[in-house]
Amino acid sequence: MFLIWKLIFQNISTKNLILIVIGIVIVVFLLSFSENSCGIQHMKILNDINSYEQSLDPEICEIIVEKIDLFNDECSPYMEILDCG
């Protein structure tokens, strides 16, 4: 296994290796900040709502309502609050 990696890295110049590492760092950096974006939060809440519709667990509903409240405070597309009753 080590021989395979040695052959792979032998064909890659140091300049290209540095560019690849910098690219990976930039992608990880962008993904860490995009996790807090409104679009991703909206998709996570919709996924939670789908999970709740399958289980109908009232505790999950309360957690989702809290997430929706926080989302509505931070983001512009208003989401309707679930009826947990």
N, C-alpha and C. Protein backbone atom coordinates (compact mmCIF):
# COMPACT_ATOMS: atom_id res chain seq x y z
N MET A 1 0.83 -1.19 0.00
CA MET A 1 0.00 0.00 0.00
C MET A 1 0.87 1.26 0.00
N PHE A 2 1.93 1.25 0.78
CA PHE A 2 2.81 2.41 0.85
C PHE A 2 3.44 2.69 -0.51
N LEU A 3 3.77 1.65 -1.26
CA LEU A 3 4.39 1.81 -2.56
C LEU A 3 3.46 2.52 -3.54
N ILE A 4 2.16 2.23 -3.45
CA ILE A 4 1.19 2.88 -4.32
C ILE A 4 1.16 4.38 -4.05
N TRP A 5 1.10 4.75 -2.76
CA TRP A 5 1.07 6.18 -2.43
C TRP A 5 2.37 6.87 -2.83
N LYS A 6 3.48 6.17 -2.68
CA LYS A 6 4.77 6.74 -3.07
C LYS A 6 4.80 7.01 -4.57
N LEU A 7 4.25 6.10 -5.36
CA LEU A 7 4.21 6.30 -6.81
C LEU A 7 3.28 7.44 -7.19
N ILE A 8 2.16 7.56 -6.47
CA ILE A 8 1.22 8.65 -6.76
C ILE A 8 1.85 10.00 -6.47
N PHE A 9 2.48 10.13 -5.29
CA PHE A 9 3.05 11.42 -4.91
C PHE A 9 4.33 11.73 -5.66
N GLN A 10 4.95 10.73 -6.26
CA GLN A 10 6.16 10.96 -7.03
C GLN A 10 5.83 11.75 -8.31
N ASN A 11 4.66 11.55 -8.85
CA ASN A 11 4.27 12.23 -10.08
C ASN A 11 3.68 13.62 -9.83
N ILE A 12 3.37 13.96 -8.59
CA ILE A 12 2.79 15.26 -8.26
C ILE A 12 3.90 16.18 -7.77
N SER A 13 4.01 17.35 -8.39
CA SER A 13 5.04 18.29 -7.97
C SER A 13 4.63 18.95 -6.65
N THR A 14 5.60 19.53 -5.98
CA THR A 14 5.36 20.18 -4.69
C THR A 14 4.39 21.34 -4.84
N LYS A 15 4.50 22.07 -5.93
CA LYS A 15 3.61 23.21 -6.17
C LYS A 15 2.16 22.75 -6.29
N ASN A 16 1.94 21.68 -7.04
CA ASN A 16 0.58 21.17 -7.18
C ASN A 16 0.04 20.61 -5.86
N LEU A 17 0.90 19.96 -5.08
CA LEU A 17 0.48 19.43 -3.79
C LEU A 17 0.06 20.55 -2.85
N ILE A 18 0.81 21.65 -2.85
CA ILE A 18 0.46 22.79 -2.01
C ILE A 18 -0.86 23.39 -2.46
N LEU A 19 -1.08 23.51 -3.76
CA LEU A 19 -2.34 24.04 -4.28
C LEU A 19 -3.52 23.14 -3.89
N ILE A 20 -3.33 21.84 -3.93
CA ILE A 20 -4.38 20.91 -3.54
C ILE A 20 -4.72 21.07 -2.07
N VAL A 21 -3.70 21.17 -1.22
CA VAL A 21 -3.93 21.33 0.22
C VAL A 21 -4.63 22.64 0.50
N ILE A 22 -4.24 23.73 -0.15
CA ILE A 22 -4.89 25.02 0.04
C ILE A 22 -6.34 24.95 -0.42
N GLY A 23 -6.60 24.28 -1.53
CA GLY A 23 -7.97 24.12 -2.01
C GLY A 23 -8.83 23.37 -1.01
N ILE A 24 -8.30 22.30 -0.43
CA ILE A 24 -9.05 21.53 0.56
C ILE A 24 -9.34 22.38 1.79
N VAL A 25 -8.37 23.16 2.23
CA VAL A 25 -8.57 24.02 3.39
C VAL A 25 -9.65 25.06 3.11
N ILE A 26 -9.66 25.63 1.93
CA ILE A 26 -10.68 26.63 1.57
C ILE A 26 -12.06 26.00 1.54
N VAL A 27 -12.18 24.80 0.98
CA VAL A 27 -13.48 24.12 0.93
C VAL A 27 -13.99 23.82 2.33
N VAL A 28 -13.11 23.32 3.20
CA VAL A 28 -13.52 23.04 4.58
C VAL A 28 -13.93 24.32 5.29
N PHE A 29 -13.20 25.39 5.06
CA PHE A 29 -13.52 26.68 5.68
C PHE A 29 -14.90 27.17 5.23
N LEU A 30 -15.18 27.08 3.93
CA LEU A 30 -16.48 27.52 3.41
C LEU A 30 -17.62 26.65 3.92
N LEU A 31 -17.40 25.36 4.01
CA LEU A 31 -18.44 24.47 4.51
C LEU A 31 -18.74 24.72 5.99
N SER A 32 -17.72 25.08 6.76
CA SER A 32 -17.96 25.35 8.18
C SER A 32 -18.82 26.59 8.37
N PHE A 33 -18.67 27.60 7.49
CA PHE A 33 -19.49 28.80 7.61
C PHE A 33 -20.85 28.64 6.96
N SER A 34 -20.95 27.82 5.94
CA SER A 34 -22.23 27.66 5.26
C SER A 34 -23.22 26.86 6.07
N GLU A 35 -22.75 26.16 7.11
CA GLU A 35 -23.65 25.37 7.95
C GLU A 35 -24.65 26.27 8.67
N ASN A 36 -24.30 27.51 8.89
CA ASN A 36 -25.19 28.43 9.60
C ASN A 36 -26.04 29.25 8.65
N SER A 37 -26.01 28.96 7.36
CA SER A 37 -26.78 29.75 6.42
C SER A 37 -28.27 29.42 6.53
N CYS A 38 -29.09 30.35 6.15
CA CYS A 38 -30.54 30.19 6.26
C CYS A 38 -31.05 29.04 5.39
N GLY A 39 -30.49 28.88 4.21
CA GLY A 39 -30.95 27.82 3.32
C GLY A 39 -30.72 26.44 3.91
N ILE A 40 -29.56 26.23 4.50
CA ILE A 40 -29.25 24.94 5.09
C ILE A 40 -30.10 24.71 6.33
N GLN A 41 -30.30 25.76 7.15
CA GLN A 41 -31.17 25.63 8.32
C GLN A 41 -32.58 25.26 7.88
N HIS A 42 -33.07 25.88 6.82
CA HIS A 42 -34.41 25.61 6.31
C HIS A 42 -34.54 24.14 5.89
N MET A 43 -33.53 23.63 5.18
CA MET A 43 -33.57 22.23 4.75
C MET A 43 -33.52 21.27 5.94
N LYS A 44 -32.73 21.61 6.96
CA LYS A 44 -32.66 20.77 8.15
C LYS A 44 -33.99 20.73 8.88
N ILE A 45 -34.65 21.88 8.98
CA ILE A 45 -35.95 21.93 9.65
C ILE A 45 -36.98 21.12 8.85
N LEU A 46 -36.96 21.24 7.53
CA LEU A 46 -37.89 20.46 6.72
C LEU A 46 -37.65 18.96 6.88
N ASN A 47 -36.39 18.59 6.99
CA ASN A 47 -36.06 17.18 7.22
C ASN A 47 -36.56 16.73 8.59
N ASP A 48 -36.41 17.59 9.60
CA ASP A 48 -36.92 17.27 10.94
C ASP A 48 -38.44 17.14 10.93
N ILE A 49 -39.11 17.99 10.17
CA ILE A 49 -40.57 17.92 10.08
C ILE A 49 -41.00 16.60 9.44
N ASN A 50 -40.27 16.17 8.40
CA ASN A 50 -40.59 14.88 7.78
C ASN A 50 -40.38 13.74 8.77
N SER A 51 -39.34 13.81 9.57
CA SER A 51 -39.11 12.78 10.59
C SER A 51 -40.22 12.80 11.63
N TYR A 52 -40.66 14.00 12.00
CA TYR A 52 -41.74 14.11 12.99
C TYR A 52 -43.04 13.53 12.44
N GLU A 53 -43.33 13.77 11.18
CA GLU A 53 -44.56 13.26 10.58
C GLU A 53 -44.60 11.73 10.58
N GLN A 54 -43.43 11.11 10.56
CA GLN A 54 -43.39 9.65 10.60
C GLN A 54 -43.55 9.12 12.02
N SER A 55 -42.99 9.84 13.00
CA SER A 55 -43.02 9.35 14.38
C SER A 55 -44.16 9.93 15.21
N LEU A 56 -44.55 11.18 14.93
CA LEU A 56 -45.57 11.91 15.70
C LEU A 56 -45.25 11.97 17.19
N ASP A 57 -43.95 12.09 17.50
CA ASP A 57 -43.50 12.21 18.89
C ASP A 57 -43.62 13.66 19.33
N PRO A 58 -44.39 13.94 20.41
CA PRO A 58 -44.58 15.34 20.84
C PRO A 58 -43.28 16.03 21.27
N GLU A 59 -42.32 15.28 21.80
CA GLU A 59 -41.05 15.89 22.19
C GLU A 59 -40.29 16.41 20.98
N ILE A 60 -40.31 15.63 19.90
CA ILE A 60 -39.65 16.06 18.66
C ILE A 60 -40.34 17.31 18.13
N CYS A 61 -41.65 17.35 18.24
CA CYS A 61 -42.40 18.52 17.76
C CYS A 61 -41.98 19.78 18.51
N GLU A 62 -41.82 19.69 19.81
CA GLU A 62 -41.41 20.85 20.62
C GLU A 62 -40.02 21.32 20.22
N ILE A 63 -39.13 20.38 19.95
CA ILE A 63 -37.77 20.75 19.53
C ILE A 63 -37.82 21.46 18.17
N ILE A 64 -38.66 20.95 17.28
CA ILE A 64 -38.78 21.57 15.95
C ILE A 64 -39.37 22.97 16.06
N VAL A 65 -40.34 23.15 16.94
CA VAL A 65 -40.95 24.48 17.13
C VAL A 65 -39.89 25.47 17.61
N GLU A 66 -39.00 25.03 18.52
CA GLU A 66 -37.93 25.91 18.98
C GLU A 66 -36.99 26.28 17.83
N LYS A 67 -36.67 25.28 16.99
CA LYS A 67 -35.80 25.55 15.83
C LYS A 67 -36.46 26.52 14.87
N ILE A 68 -37.78 26.37 14.66
CA ILE A 68 -38.50 27.26 13.76
C ILE A 68 -38.52 28.68 14.32
N ASP A 69 -38.71 28.82 15.64
CA ASP A 69 -38.67 30.14 16.26
C ASP A 69 -37.32 30.82 16.04
N LEU A 70 -36.24 30.09 16.26
CA LEU A 70 -34.91 30.65 16.04
C LEU A 70 -34.70 31.00 14.57
N PHE A 71 -35.18 30.13 13.69
CA PHE A 71 -35.05 30.38 12.26
C PHE A 71 -35.79 31.64 11.86
N ASN A 72 -37.02 31.81 12.36
CA ASN A 72 -37.83 32.99 12.00
C ASN A 72 -37.21 34.27 12.53
N ASP A 73 -36.48 34.19 13.66
CA ASP A 73 -35.81 35.37 14.19
C ASP A 73 -34.60 35.77 13.34
N GLU A 74 -33.91 34.78 12.76
CA GLU A 74 -32.66 35.05 12.06
C GLU A 74 -32.82 35.22 10.54
N CYS A 75 -33.82 34.58 9.95
CA CYS A 75 -33.91 34.53 8.49
C CYS A 75 -35.21 35.15 7.99
N SER A 76 -35.19 35.56 6.73
CA SER A 76 -36.34 36.27 6.17
C SER A 76 -37.49 35.36 5.73
N PRO A 77 -37.28 34.18 5.13
CA PRO A 77 -38.49 33.40 4.77
C PRO A 77 -39.14 32.84 6.02
N TYR A 78 -40.32 33.34 6.34
CA TYR A 78 -41.02 32.95 7.55
C TYR A 78 -41.57 31.53 7.43
N MET A 79 -41.33 30.71 8.46
CA MET A 79 -41.87 29.36 8.49
C MET A 79 -43.02 29.31 9.49
N GLU A 80 -44.05 28.60 9.13
CA GLU A 80 -45.20 28.46 9.99
C GLU A 80 -44.89 27.51 11.16
N ILE A 81 -45.35 27.87 12.35
CA ILE A 81 -45.12 27.05 13.54
C ILE A 81 -46.01 25.81 13.49
N LEU A 82 -45.43 24.67 13.90
CA LEU A 82 -46.18 23.42 13.92
C LEU A 82 -47.19 23.42 15.08
N ASP A 83 -48.28 22.70 14.87
CA ASP A 83 -49.26 22.49 15.92
C ASP A 83 -48.97 21.13 16.54
N CYS A 84 -48.42 21.14 17.75
CA CYS A 84 -48.01 19.90 18.40
C CYS A 84 -49.17 19.24 19.15
N GLY A 85 -50.29 19.89 19.23
CA GLY A 85 -51.41 19.41 20.03
C GLY A 85 -52.00 18.18 19.50
